[in-house]
């Protein structure tokens, strides 16, 4: 039984690590992409809106798009 318990413990540890690290990796990647866009000359607000959209519901990205359409 000890071998089976060890395997189950390892499986549970891997699952917990996956659940914890997946959002962290996704967030880190998103920040890296935004930083690359900013380095390429895109404004920080435009870069955030392009990658994340208006995640806070403040309509900031919609206002930015409206001003860009007027240009």
N, C-alpha and C. Protein backbone atom coordinates (compact mmCIF):
# COMPACT_ATOMS: atom_id res chain seq x y z
N UNK A 1 0.81 -1.20 0.00
CA UNK A 1 0.00 0.00 0.00
C UNK A 1 0.85 1.26 0.00
N UNK A 2 2.04 1.21 0.55
CA UNK A 2 2.88 2.40 0.63
C UNK A 2 3.26 2.92 -0.76
N UNK A 3 3.52 2.02 -1.70
CA UNK A 3 3.86 2.42 -3.06
C UNK A 3 2.71 3.14 -3.73
N UNK A 4 1.50 2.64 -3.52
CA UNK A 4 0.32 3.26 -4.11
C UNK A 4 0.08 4.65 -3.51
N UNK A 5 0.26 4.76 -2.21
CA UNK A 5 0.09 6.06 -1.55
C UNK A 5 1.14 7.07 -2.04
N UNK A 6 2.35 6.60 -2.28
CA UNK A 6 3.40 7.48 -2.80
C UNK A 6 3.04 7.98 -4.20
N UNK A 7 2.57 7.09 -5.04
CA UNK A 7 2.17 7.48 -6.40
C UNK A 7 1.01 8.47 -6.35
N UNK A 8 0.04 8.22 -5.51
CA UNK A 8 -1.10 9.15 -5.39
C UNK A 8 -0.64 10.50 -4.87
N UNK A 9 0.30 10.50 -3.94
CA UNK A 9 0.84 11.76 -3.42
C UNK A 9 1.54 12.54 -4.51
N UNK A 10 2.31 11.86 -5.34
CA UNK A 10 3.01 12.52 -6.44
C UNK A 10 2.01 13.07 -7.45
N UNK A 11 1.00 12.29 -7.79
CA UNK A 11 -0.02 12.74 -8.74
C UNK A 11 -0.75 13.97 -8.20
N UNK A 12 -1.10 13.95 -6.94
CA UNK A 12 -1.79 15.10 -6.34
C UNK A 12 -0.88 16.32 -6.33
N UNK A 13 0.39 16.13 -6.01
CA UNK A 13 1.34 17.25 -5.99
C UNK A 13 1.49 17.86 -7.38
N UNK A 14 1.55 17.03 -8.41
CA UNK A 14 1.67 17.53 -9.78
C UNK A 14 0.40 18.29 -10.18
N UNK A 15 -0.75 17.78 -9.82
CA UNK A 15 -2.00 18.47 -10.14
C UNK A 15 -2.09 19.82 -9.43
N UNK A 16 -1.72 19.86 -8.17
CA UNK A 16 -1.75 21.12 -7.42
C UNK A 16 -0.78 22.13 -8.03
N UNK A 17 0.42 21.66 -8.37
CA UNK A 17 1.40 22.55 -8.99
C UNK A 17 0.89 23.10 -10.32
N UNK A 18 0.23 22.26 -11.10
CA UNK A 18 -0.32 22.69 -12.38
C UNK A 18 -1.39 23.75 -12.18
N UNK A 19 -2.27 23.53 -11.24
CA UNK A 19 -3.35 24.48 -10.98
C UNK A 19 -2.80 25.81 -10.48
N UNK A 20 -1.76 25.76 -9.67
CA UNK A 20 -1.19 26.99 -9.11
C UNK A 20 -0.34 27.73 -10.15
N UNK A 21 0.45 27.01 -10.92
CA UNK A 21 1.41 27.66 -11.81
C UNK A 21 0.84 28.08 -13.16
N UNK A 22 -0.25 27.50 -13.60
CA UNK A 22 -0.82 27.87 -14.89
C UNK A 22 -1.22 29.34 -14.97
N UNK A 23 -1.97 29.86 -14.01
CA UNK A 23 -2.31 31.29 -14.08
C UNK A 23 -1.09 32.19 -13.97
N UNK A 24 -0.11 31.78 -13.19
CA UNK A 24 1.11 32.58 -13.05
C UNK A 24 1.85 32.65 -14.38
N UNK A 25 1.96 31.53 -15.06
CA UNK A 25 2.65 31.50 -16.35
C UNK A 25 1.89 32.32 -17.39
N UNK A 26 0.59 32.25 -17.38
CA UNK A 26 -0.22 33.01 -18.33
C UNK A 26 -0.05 34.50 -18.10
N UNK A 27 -0.09 34.93 -16.85
CA UNK A 27 0.08 36.34 -16.53
C UNK A 27 1.47 36.83 -16.91
N UNK A 28 2.49 36.03 -16.62
CA UNK A 28 3.87 36.41 -16.97
C UNK A 28 4.01 36.56 -18.49
N UNK A 29 3.41 35.66 -19.23
CA UNK A 29 3.50 35.73 -20.69
C UNK A 29 2.79 36.98 -21.21
N UNK A 30 1.63 37.27 -20.66
CA UNK A 30 0.87 38.45 -21.08
C UNK A 30 1.67 39.72 -20.82
N UNK A 31 2.31 39.83 -19.66
CA UNK A 31 3.12 41.00 -19.34
C UNK A 31 4.34 41.10 -20.26
N UNK A 32 4.90 39.96 -20.63
CA UNK A 32 6.05 39.96 -21.54
C UNK A 32 5.64 40.48 -22.91
N UNK A 33 4.49 40.04 -23.39
CA UNK A 33 4.00 40.49 -24.71
C UNK A 33 3.72 41.99 -24.68
N UNK A 34 3.10 42.47 -23.62
CA UNK A 34 2.82 43.90 -23.50
C UNK A 34 4.12 44.70 -23.48
N UNK A 35 5.11 44.22 -22.73
CA UNK A 35 6.41 44.90 -22.67
C UNK A 35 7.08 44.95 -24.04
N UNK A 36 6.97 43.87 -24.80
CA UNK A 36 7.55 43.85 -26.15
C UNK A 36 6.85 44.84 -27.07
N UNK A 37 5.54 44.97 -26.94
CA UNK A 37 4.81 45.95 -27.75
C UNK A 37 5.23 47.37 -27.40
N UNK A 38 5.40 47.63 -26.11
CA UNK A 38 5.81 48.96 -25.67
C UNK A 38 7.21 49.27 -26.18
N UNK A 39 8.11 48.29 -26.11
CA UNK A 39 9.46 48.48 -26.63
C UNK A 39 9.45 48.76 -28.13
N UNK A 40 8.46 48.21 -28.82
CA UNK A 40 8.34 48.41 -30.26
C UNK A 40 7.73 49.74 -30.64
N UNK A 41 7.32 50.55 -29.66
CA UNK A 41 6.81 51.86 -29.95
C UNK A 41 5.32 52.05 -29.72
N UNK A 42 4.63 51.02 -29.31
CA UNK A 42 3.20 51.14 -29.03
C UNK A 42 3.02 51.81 -27.68
N UNK A 43 2.00 52.65 -27.55
CA UNK A 43 1.76 53.29 -26.25
C UNK A 43 1.33 52.22 -25.25
N UNK A 44 1.63 52.43 -23.98
CA UNK A 44 1.27 51.43 -22.96
C UNK A 44 -0.23 51.13 -22.93
N UNK A 45 -1.06 52.15 -23.08
CA UNK A 45 -2.51 51.94 -23.04
C UNK A 45 -2.97 51.12 -24.25
N UNK A 46 -2.45 51.45 -25.42
CA UNK A 46 -2.82 50.69 -26.62
C UNK A 46 -2.35 49.24 -26.50
N UNK A 47 -1.17 49.02 -25.96
CA UNK A 47 -0.66 47.66 -25.79
C UNK A 47 -1.54 46.86 -24.84
N UNK A 48 -1.93 47.47 -23.72
CA UNK A 48 -2.78 46.79 -22.75
C UNK A 48 -4.13 46.46 -23.37
N UNK A 49 -4.70 47.42 -24.08
CA UNK A 49 -6.01 47.19 -24.70
C UNK A 49 -5.93 46.11 -25.77
N UNK A 50 -4.83 46.07 -26.51
CA UNK A 50 -4.69 45.08 -27.57
C UNK A 50 -4.59 43.66 -27.00
N UNK A 51 -3.94 43.50 -25.88
CA UNK A 51 -3.73 42.17 -25.32
C UNK A 51 -4.84 41.78 -24.36
N UNK A 52 -5.20 42.66 -23.44
CA UNK A 52 -6.14 42.31 -22.39
C UNK A 52 -7.56 42.78 -22.63
N UNK A 53 -7.73 43.79 -23.46
CA UNK A 53 -9.05 44.38 -23.62
C UNK A 53 -9.39 45.23 -22.41
N UNK A 54 -10.62 45.55 -22.24
CA UNK A 54 -11.06 46.38 -21.12
C UNK A 54 -11.47 45.47 -19.98
N UNK A 55 -10.50 44.87 -19.33
CA UNK A 55 -10.77 43.86 -18.32
C UNK A 55 -11.40 44.42 -17.06
N UNK A 56 -11.26 45.71 -16.79
CA UNK A 56 -11.83 46.30 -15.58
C UNK A 56 -13.21 46.90 -15.81
N UNK A 57 -13.68 46.91 -17.04
CA UNK A 57 -15.00 47.45 -17.33
C UNK A 57 -15.08 48.96 -17.23
N UNK A 58 -13.96 49.64 -17.47
CA UNK A 58 -13.94 51.10 -17.35
C UNK A 58 -14.20 51.81 -18.67
N UNK A 59 -14.35 51.06 -19.75
CA UNK A 59 -14.56 51.60 -21.09
C UNK A 59 -13.37 52.43 -21.59
N UNK A 60 -12.22 52.26 -20.97
CA UNK A 60 -11.02 52.98 -21.39
C UNK A 60 -10.63 52.59 -22.81
N UNK A 61 -10.67 51.30 -23.10
CA UNK A 61 -10.28 50.83 -24.42
C UNK A 61 -11.27 51.28 -25.49
N UNK A 62 -12.55 51.34 -25.12
CA UNK A 62 -13.55 51.82 -26.08
C UNK A 62 -13.33 53.30 -26.37
N UNK A 63 -12.99 54.06 -25.35
CA UNK A 63 -12.71 55.49 -25.56
C UNK A 63 -11.45 55.66 -26.40
N UNK A 64 -10.46 54.84 -26.16
CA UNK A 64 -9.23 54.91 -26.96
C UNK A 64 -9.53 54.58 -28.41
N UNK A 65 -10.33 53.55 -28.63
CA UNK A 65 -10.69 53.18 -30.01
C UNK A 65 -11.47 54.28 -30.70
N UNK A 66 -12.35 54.94 -29.96
CA UNK A 66 -13.13 56.02 -30.55
C UNK A 66 -12.25 57.19 -30.96
N UNK A 67 -11.26 57.52 -30.13
CA UNK A 67 -10.37 58.62 -30.49
C UNK A 67 -9.46 58.23 -31.65
N UNK A 68 -9.08 56.96 -31.74
CA UNK A 68 -8.24 56.50 -32.85
C UNK A 68 -9.01 56.52 -34.16
N UNK A 69 -10.32 56.28 -34.09
CA UNK A 69 -11.14 56.28 -35.31
C UNK A 69 -11.31 57.69 -35.85
N UNK A 70 -11.27 58.69 -34.98
CA UNK A 70 -11.43 60.08 -35.41
C UNK A 70 -10.19 60.58 -36.15
N UNK A 71 -9.05 59.96 -35.87
CA UNK A 71 -7.79 60.43 -36.49
C UNK A 71 -7.71 60.07 -37.93
